[in-house]
């Protein structure tokens, strides 16, 4: 362990280990924010609200009617989503309108991109394999003589 209290290689106390410590702190805070975002969207009612707000801004009453939820339930989930930065609200006369904020969703998308690339590569490899199998089968069918008929 280096003098900074952070485990890892220490080349120059004032440059490398300090940078390494800051990088670890940043990575941990980033991981925690993504983890929290997943915890928030893991709840089915919140996902339903987010899906509804993806098309347009909605009032609490509209969300209640469209999702068949009670007003306290909708308000509770909107508060959680608002505090986490997923939605924002504006006041329009006597009603509050909610709309999506892209920031946290973009963070989730960026984190998921690594897995999307992995699965795209796997699916592409499977597609190439299936194409080769289909070509081999077609080649085998054209090379084999037609079945003989009995007179």
C-alpha atoms as a PDB file:
ATOM      1  CA  UNK A   1       0.000   0.000   0.000  1.00  0.00           C
ATOM      2  CA  UNK A   2       1.330   3.417  -0.926  1.00  0.00           C
ATOM      3  CA  UNK A   3       1.671   6.385   1.436  1.00  0.00           C
ATOM      4  CA  UNK A   4      -1.698   7.732   0.275  1.00  0.00           C
ATOM      5  CA  UNK A   5      -3.505   4.743   1.825  1.00  0.00           C
ATOM      6  CA  UNK A   6      -4.609   3.452  -1.582  1.00  0.00           C
ATOM      7  CA  UNK A   7      -3.404   0.058  -2.671  1.00  0.00           C
ATOM      8  CA  UNK A   8      -1.738  -0.095  -6.054  1.00  0.00           C
ATOM      9  CA  UNK A   9       1.583   0.706  -7.661  1.00  0.00           C
ATOM     10  CA  UNK A  10       3.384   3.856  -6.526  1.00  0.00           C
ATOM     11  CA  UNK A  11       5.859   5.416  -8.908  1.00  0.00           C
ATOM     12  CA  UNK A  12       5.890   9.032  -7.793  1.00  0.00           C
ATOM     13  CA  UNK A  13       3.939   9.868  -4.673  1.00  0.00           C
ATOM     14  CA  UNK A  14       2.904  13.324  -5.836  1.00  0.00           C
ATOM     15  CA  UNK A  15       1.793  12.446  -9.345  1.00  0.00           C
ATOM     16  CA  UNK A  16       0.915   8.827  -9.923  1.00  0.00           C
ATOM     17  CA  UNK A  17      -0.608   7.673  -6.631  1.00  0.00           C
ATOM     18  CA  UNK A  18      -2.661  10.862  -6.248  1.00  0.00           C
ATOM     19  CA  UNK A  19      -4.002  10.494  -9.798  1.00  0.00           C
ATOM     20  CA  UNK A  20      -4.669   6.802  -9.171  1.00  0.00           C
ATOM     21  CA  UNK A  21      -6.552   7.618  -5.952  1.00  0.00           C
ATOM     22  CA  UNK A  22      -8.693  10.218  -7.723  1.00  0.00           C
ATOM     23  CA  UNK A  23      -9.400   7.816 -10.567  1.00  0.00           C
ATOM     24  CA  UNK A  24     -10.550   5.125  -8.141  1.00  0.00           C
ATOM     25  CA  UNK A  25     -12.813   7.591  -6.354  1.00  0.00           C
ATOM     26  CA  UNK A  26     -14.296   8.696  -9.668  1.00  0.00           C
ATOM     27  CA  UNK A  27     -14.879   5.139 -10.808  1.00  0.00           C
ATOM     28  CA  UNK A  28     -16.551   4.179  -7.538  1.00  0.00           C
ATOM     29  CA  UNK A  29     -18.845   7.214  -7.620  1.00  0.00           C
ATOM     30  CA  UNK A  30     -19.724   6.495 -11.236  1.00  0.00           C
ATOM     31  CA  UNK A  31     -20.477   2.866 -10.421  1.00  0.00           C
ATOM     32  CA  UNK A  32     -22.638   3.908  -7.483  1.00  0.00           C
ATOM     33  CA  UNK A  33     -24.623   6.365  -9.629  1.00  0.00           C
ATOM     34  CA  UNK A  34     -25.266   3.714 -12.285  1.00  0.00           C
ATOM     35  CA  UNK A  35     -26.167   1.223  -9.558  1.00  0.00           C
ATOM     36  CA  UNK A  36     -28.638   3.699  -8.066  1.00  0.00           C
ATOM     37  CA  UNK A  37     -30.118   4.418 -11.481  1.00  0.00           C
ATOM     38  CA  UNK A  38     -30.710   0.700 -12.022  1.00  0.00           C
ATOM     39  CA  UNK A  39     -32.341   0.421  -8.602  1.00  0.00           C
ATOM     40  CA  UNK A  40     -34.684   3.249  -9.522  1.00  0.00           C
ATOM     41  CA  UNK A  41     -35.715   1.833 -12.901  1.00  0.00           C
ATOM     42  CA  UNK A  42     -35.976  -1.695 -11.487  1.00  0.00           C
ATOM     43  CA  UNK A  43     -39.365  -0.822  -9.978  1.00  0.00           C
ATOM     44  CA  UNK A  44     -42.109  -1.708 -12.536  1.00  0.00           C
ATOM     45  CA  UNK A  45     -44.340   1.299 -11.797  1.00  0.00           C
ATOM     46  CA  UNK A  46     -41.439   3.700 -12.321  1.00  0.00           C
ATOM     47  CA  UNK A  47     -40.557   2.014 -15.608  1.00  0.00           C
ATOM     48  CA  UNK A  48     -44.184   2.383 -16.698  1.00  0.00           C
ATOM     49  CA  UNK A  49     -44.113   6.090 -15.819  1.00  0.00           C
ATOM     50  CA  UNK A  50     -40.821   6.575 -17.684  1.00  0.00           C
ATOM     51  CA  UNK A  51     -42.246   4.784 -20.739  1.00  0.00           C
ATOM     52  CA  UNK A  52     -45.319   6.989 -20.658  1.00  0.00           C
ATOM     53  CA  UNK A  53     -43.238  10.147 -20.332  1.00  0.00           C
ATOM     54  CA  UNK A  54     -41.045   9.063 -23.242  1.00  0.00           C
ATOM     55  CA  UNK A  55     -43.841   9.974 -25.642  1.00  0.00           C
ATOM     56  CA  UNK A  56     -44.817  13.340 -24.107  1.00  0.00           C
ATOM     57  CA  UNK A  57     -45.058  15.298 -20.896  1.00  0.00           C
ATOM     58  CA  UNK A  58     -47.945  14.290 -18.659  1.00  0.00           C
ATOM     59  CA  UNK A  59     -49.764  15.600 -15.617  1.00  0.00           C
ATOM     60  CA  UNK A  60     -50.122  13.500 -12.469  1.00  0.00           C
ATOM     61  CA  UNK A  61     -53.822  12.992 -13.285  1.00  0.00           C
ATOM     62  CA  UNK A  62     -53.030  11.789 -16.821  1.00  0.00           C
ATOM     63  CA  UNK A  63     -50.455   9.336 -15.460  1.00  0.00           C
ATOM     64  CA  UNK A  64     -53.001   8.066 -12.902  1.00  0.00           C
ATOM     65  CA  UNK A  65     -55.637   7.467 -15.581  1.00  0.00           C
ATOM     66  CA  UNK A  66     -53.354   5.919 -18.176  1.00  0.00           C
ATOM     67  CA  UNK A  67     -51.521   3.604 -15.785  1.00  0.00           C
ATOM     68  CA  UNK A  68     -54.472   2.870 -13.466  1.00  0.00           C
ATOM     69  CA  UNK A  69     -52.577   3.919 -10.340  1.00  0.00           C
ATOM     70  CA  UNK A  70     -53.718   5.912  -7.344  1.00  0.00           C
ATOM     71  CA  UNK A  71     -52.630   9.530  -6.958  1.00  0.00           C
ATOM     72  CA  UNK A  72     -50.444   8.816  -3.886  1.00  0.00           C
ATOM     73  CA  UNK A  73     -48.671   5.989  -5.733  1.00  0.00           C
ATOM     74  CA  UNK A  74     -47.994   8.155  -8.780  1.00  0.00           C
ATOM     75  CA  UNK A  75     -46.807  11.052  -6.617  1.00  0.00           C
ATOM     76  CA  UNK A  76     -44.470   8.795  -4.626  1.00  0.00           C
ATOM     77  CA  UNK A  77     -42.830   7.385  -7.764  1.00  0.00           C
ATOM     78  CA  UNK A  78     -42.609  10.792  -9.436  1.00  0.00           C
ATOM     79  CA  UNK A  79     -40.869  12.174  -6.338  1.00  0.00           C
ATOM     80  CA  UNK A  80     -38.267   9.369  -6.485  1.00  0.00           C
ATOM     81  CA  UNK A  81     -37.776   9.911 -10.233  1.00  0.00           C
ATOM     82  CA  UNK A  82     -37.513  13.695  -9.788  1.00  0.00           C
ATOM     83  CA  UNK A  83     -34.998  13.457  -6.926  1.00  0.00           C
ATOM     84  CA  UNK A  84     -32.876  11.063  -8.988  1.00  0.00           C
ATOM     85  CA  UNK A  85     -32.938  13.447 -11.956  1.00  0.00           C
ATOM     86  CA  UNK A  86     -34.963  11.227 -14.301  1.00  0.00           C
ATOM     87  CA  UNK A  87     -37.859  13.678 -14.609  1.00  0.00           C
ATOM     88  CA  UNK A  88     -38.502  17.356 -14.119  1.00  0.00           C
ATOM     89  CA  UNK A  89     -41.732  19.199 -13.555  1.00  0.00           C
ATOM     90  CA  UNK A  90     -43.234  22.498 -14.583  1.00  0.00           C
ATOM     91  CA  UNK A  91     -46.363  24.191 -13.300  1.00  0.00           C
ATOM     92  CA  UNK A  92     -49.125  24.859 -15.813  1.00  0.00           C
ATOM     93  CA  UNK A  93     -52.001  26.724 -14.129  1.00  0.00           C
ATOM     94  CA  UNK A  94     -53.176  24.331 -11.407  1.00  0.00           C
ATOM     95  CA  UNK A  95     -51.437  21.205 -12.588  1.00  0.00           C
ATOM     96  CA  UNK A  96     -47.864  20.002 -12.563  1.00  0.00           C
ATOM     97  CA  UNK A  97     -46.514  18.564 -15.832  1.00  0.00           C
ATOM     98  CA  UNK A  98     -43.726  15.992 -15.793  1.00  0.00           C
ATOM     99  CA  UNK A  99     -41.258  15.231 -18.581  1.00  0.00           C
ATOM    100  CA  UNK A 100     -38.159  13.091 -18.972  1.00  0.00           C
ATOM    101  CA  UNK A 101     -34.665  14.404 -18.413  1.00  0.00           C
ATOM    102  CA  UNK A 102     -32.168  12.556 -20.626  1.00  0.00           C
ATOM    103  CA  UNK A 103     -29.119  12.670 -18.324  1.00  0.00           C
ATOM    104  CA  UNK A 104     -29.566   9.554 -16.152  1.00  0.00           C
ATOM    105  CA  UNK A 105     -30.973   7.569 -19.060  1.00  0.00           C
ATOM    106  CA  UNK A 106     -27.930   8.482 -21.150  1.00  0.00           C
ATOM    107  CA  UNK A 107     -25.683   7.253 -18.316  1.00  0.00           C
ATOM    108  CA  UNK A 108     -27.528   3.928 -18.284  1.00  0.00           C
ATOM    109  CA  UNK A 109     -27.295   3.706 -22.055  1.00  0.00           C
ATOM    110  CA  UNK A 110     -23.552   4.408 -21.966  1.00  0.00           C
ATOM    111  CA  UNK A 111     -23.049   1.678 -19.362  1.00  0.00           C
ATOM    112  CA  UNK A 112     -25.172  -0.783 -21.338  1.00  0.00           C
ATOM    113  CA  UNK A 113     -23.280  -0.003 -24.583  1.00  0.00           C
ATOM    114  CA  UNK A 114     -20.422  -2.335 -23.607  1.00  0.00           C
ATOM    115  CA  UNK A 115     -22.856  -5.228 -23.316  1.00  0.00           C
ATOM    116  CA  UNK A 116     -24.669  -4.229 -26.481  1.00  0.00           C
ATOM    117  CA  UNK A 117     -21.347  -4.402 -28.377  1.00  0.00           C
ATOM    118  CA  UNK A 118     -20.647  -7.820 -26.854  1.00  0.00           C
ATOM    119  CA  UNK A 119     -24.032  -9.227 -27.860  1.00  0.00           C
ATOM    120  CA  UNK A 120     -23.897  -7.661 -31.322  1.00  0.00           C
ATOM    121  CA  UNK A 121     -20.589  -9.444 -31.925  1.00  0.00           C
ATOM    122  CA  UNK A 122     -22.027 -12.730 -30.643  1.00  0.00           C
ATOM    123  CA  UNK A 123     -25.181 -12.430 -32.746  1.00  0.00           C
ATOM    124  CA  UNK A 124     -23.126 -11.488 -35.825  1.00  0.00           C
ATOM    125  CA  UNK A 125     -20.950 -14.581 -35.317  1.00  0.00           C
ATOM    126  CA  UNK A 126     -24.056 -16.752 -34.988  1.00  0.00           C
ATOM    127  CA  UNK A 127     -25.513 -15.233 -38.160  1.00  0.00           C
ATOM    128  CA  UNK A 128     -22.292 -15.953 -40.102  1.00  0.00           C
ATOM    129  CA  UNK A 129     -22.283 -19.537 -38.787  1.00  0.00           C
ATOM    130  CA  UNK A 130     -25.913 -20.088 -39.823  1.00  0.00           C
ATOM    131  CA  UNK A 131     -25.207 -18.605 -43.274  1.00  0.00           C
ATOM    132  CA  UNK A 132     -22.273 -21.027 -43.729  1.00  0.00           C
ATOM    133  CA  UNK A 133     -24.470 -23.952 -42.665  1.00  0.00           C
ATOM    134  CA  UNK A 134     -27.195 -22.900 -45.095  1.00  0.00           C
ATOM    135  CA  UNK A 135     -24.697 -22.541 -47.955  1.00  0.00           C
ATOM    136  CA  UNK A 136     -23.190 -25.959 -47.180  1.00  0.00           C
ATOM    137  CA  UNK A 137     -26.657 -27.505 -47.147  1.00  0.00           C
ATOM    138  CA  UNK A 138     -27.559 -25.884 -50.481  1.00  0.00           C
ATOM    139  CA  UNK A 139     -24.264 -27.029 -51.991  1.00  0.00           C
ATOM    140  CA  UNK A 140     -24.842 -30.583 -50.781  1.00  0.00           C
ATOM    141  CA  UNK A 141     -28.346 -30.624 -52.273  1.00  0.00           C
ATOM    142  CA  UNK A 142     -27.183 -29.420 -55.701  1.00  0.00           C
ATOM    143  CA  UNK A 143     -24.301 -31.935 -55.827  1.00  0.00           C
ATOM    144  CA  UNK A 144     -26.287 -35.002 -54.787  1.00  0.00           C
ATOM    145  CA  UNK A 145     -28.034 -36.903 -57.594  1.00  0.00           C
ATOM    146  CA  UNK A 146     -31.804 -36.950 -57.584  1.00  0.00           C
ATOM    147  CA  UNK A 147     -33.336 -39.996 -55.884  1.00  0.00           C
ATOM    148  CA  UNK A 148     -33.944 -42.984 -58.184  1.00  0.00           C
ATOM    149  CA  UNK A 149     -37.513 -43.993 -58.861  1.00  0.00           C
ATOM    150  CA  UNK A 150     -38.626 -47.587 -58.980  1.00  0.00           C
ATOM    151  CA  UNK A 151     -40.477 -48.578 -62.170  1.00  0.00           C
END
